[in-house]
Amino acid sequence: MRKKKSDSYSSLVQANHDTDSTKHLIKEKKELYRFWKKRTWIIENLLIEIQGYFPERITDKYLNELYSQCFKSSQKRSRELLSRCVSL
């Protein structure tokens, strides 16, 4: 995600320097950069909130492992709540 944000920023800078670029192209590149910037910010802040720190690299493998940990944790909590209700 950081790579996509960086790539979109680079293309935005290049489009701003090109004299042949149209306003539409520059606007499109700005929107793409803002999109990836927002997505990156959201993911980074969620990871900080969930784990208390920000990992050096965010890969698909890392996100999948985090998802499975969260899923297992939620299943465990559900089982605990169910067992409490049954024992009442």
Protein backbone atom coordinates (compact mmCIF):
# COMPACT_ATOMS: atom_id res chain seq x y z
CA MET A 1 0.00 0.00 0.00
CA ARG A 2 2.86 2.36 0.79
CA LYS A 3 4.37 1.45 -2.58
CA LYS A 4 1.16 2.35 -4.41
CA LYS A 5 0.95 5.62 -2.49
CA SER A 6 4.57 6.39 -3.38
CA ASP A 7 4.04 5.49 -7.03
CA SER A 8 0.95 7.64 -7.31
CA TYR A 9 2.80 10.56 -5.69
CA SER A 10 5.69 10.18 -8.13
CA SER A 11 3.35 10.18 -11.10
CA LEU A 12 1.58 13.24 -9.66
CA VAL A 13 4.87 15.12 -9.38
CA GLN A 14 5.83 14.09 -12.90
CA ALA A 15 2.44 15.16 -14.26
CA ASN A 16 2.82 18.56 -12.61
CA HIS A 17 6.20 19.03 -14.31
CA ASP A 18 5.07 17.91 -17.75
CA THR A 19 3.92 20.85 -19.82
CA ASP A 20 1.86 18.59 -22.09
CA SER A 21 -0.28 17.25 -19.24
CA THR A 22 -3.87 18.30 -19.25
CA LYS A 23 -5.68 19.51 -16.17
CA HIS A 24 -7.84 16.38 -16.29
CA LEU A 25 -4.81 14.09 -16.09
CA ILE A 26 -3.34 16.04 -13.18
CA LYS A 27 -6.68 15.99 -11.36
CA GLU A 28 -6.94 12.23 -11.89
CA LYS A 29 -3.45 11.67 -10.50
CA LYS A 30 -4.22 13.85 -7.47
CA GLU A 31 -7.36 11.86 -6.75
CA LEU A 32 -5.46 8.58 -7.05
CA TYR A 33 -2.76 9.83 -4.67
CA ARG A 34 -5.35 11.03 -2.15
CA PHE A 35 -7.12 7.66 -2.37
CA TRP A 36 -3.95 5.69 -1.54
CA LYS A 37 -2.91 8.21 1.10
CA LYS A 38 -6.25 7.77 2.90
CA ARG A 39 -6.12 3.97 2.62
CA THR A 40 -2.59 3.89 3.98
CA TRP A 41 -3.51 6.17 6.87
CA ILE A 42 -6.54 4.03 7.77
CA ILE A 43 -4.58 0.75 7.73
CA GLU A 44 -1.67 2.21 9.70
CA ASN A 45 -3.94 3.61 12.41
CA LEU A 46 -5.95 0.40 12.67
CA LEU A 47 -2.75 -1.59 13.15
CA ILE A 48 -1.52 0.82 15.80
CA GLU A 49 -4.86 0.59 17.60
CA ILE A 50 -5.05 -3.21 17.40
CA GLN A 51 -1.44 -4.05 18.20
CA GLY A 52 -0.12 -0.97 19.93
CA TYR A 53 2.73 -0.56 17.45
CA PHE A 54 3.27 -0.17 13.74
CA PRO A 55 5.10 -2.98 11.92
CA GLU A 56 8.03 -2.19 9.65
CA ARG A 57 6.43 -3.94 6.66
CA ILE A 58 2.81 -4.64 5.88
CA THR A 59 2.45 -7.59 3.54
CA ASP A 60 -0.53 -9.68 2.50
CA LYS A 61 0.86 -12.54 4.59
CA TYR A 62 1.09 -10.28 7.65
CA LEU A 63 -2.48 -9.01 7.20
CA ASN A 64 -3.83 -12.54 6.70
CA GLU A 65 -2.13 -13.75 9.89
CA LEU A 66 -3.48 -10.77 11.81
CA TYR A 67 -6.97 -11.44 10.46
CA SER A 68 -6.83 -15.11 11.49
CA GLN A 69 -5.64 -14.13 14.99
CA CYS A 70 -8.50 -11.65 15.35
CA PHE A 71 -10.97 -14.23 14.03
CA LYS A 72 -9.76 -16.90 16.47
CA SER A 73 -9.93 -14.40 19.32
CA SER A 74 -13.50 -13.44 18.46
CA GLN A 75 -14.51 -17.13 18.27
CA LYS A 76 -12.97 -17.75 21.69
CA ARG A 77 -14.89 -14.80 23.17
CA SER A 78 -18.12 -16.06 21.59
CA ARG A 79 -17.61 -19.52 23.09
CA GLU A 80 -16.93 -17.99 26.52
CA LEU A 81 -20.10 -15.91 26.34
CA LEU A 82 -22.11 -18.92 25.21
CA SER A 83 -20.78 -21.05 28.07
CA ARG A 84 -21.68 -18.31 30.58
CA CYS A 85 -25.23 -18.13 29.23
CA VAL A 86 -25.65 -21.92 29.32
CA SER A 87 -24.42 -22.15 32.91
CA LEU A 88 -27.01 -19.60 34.07
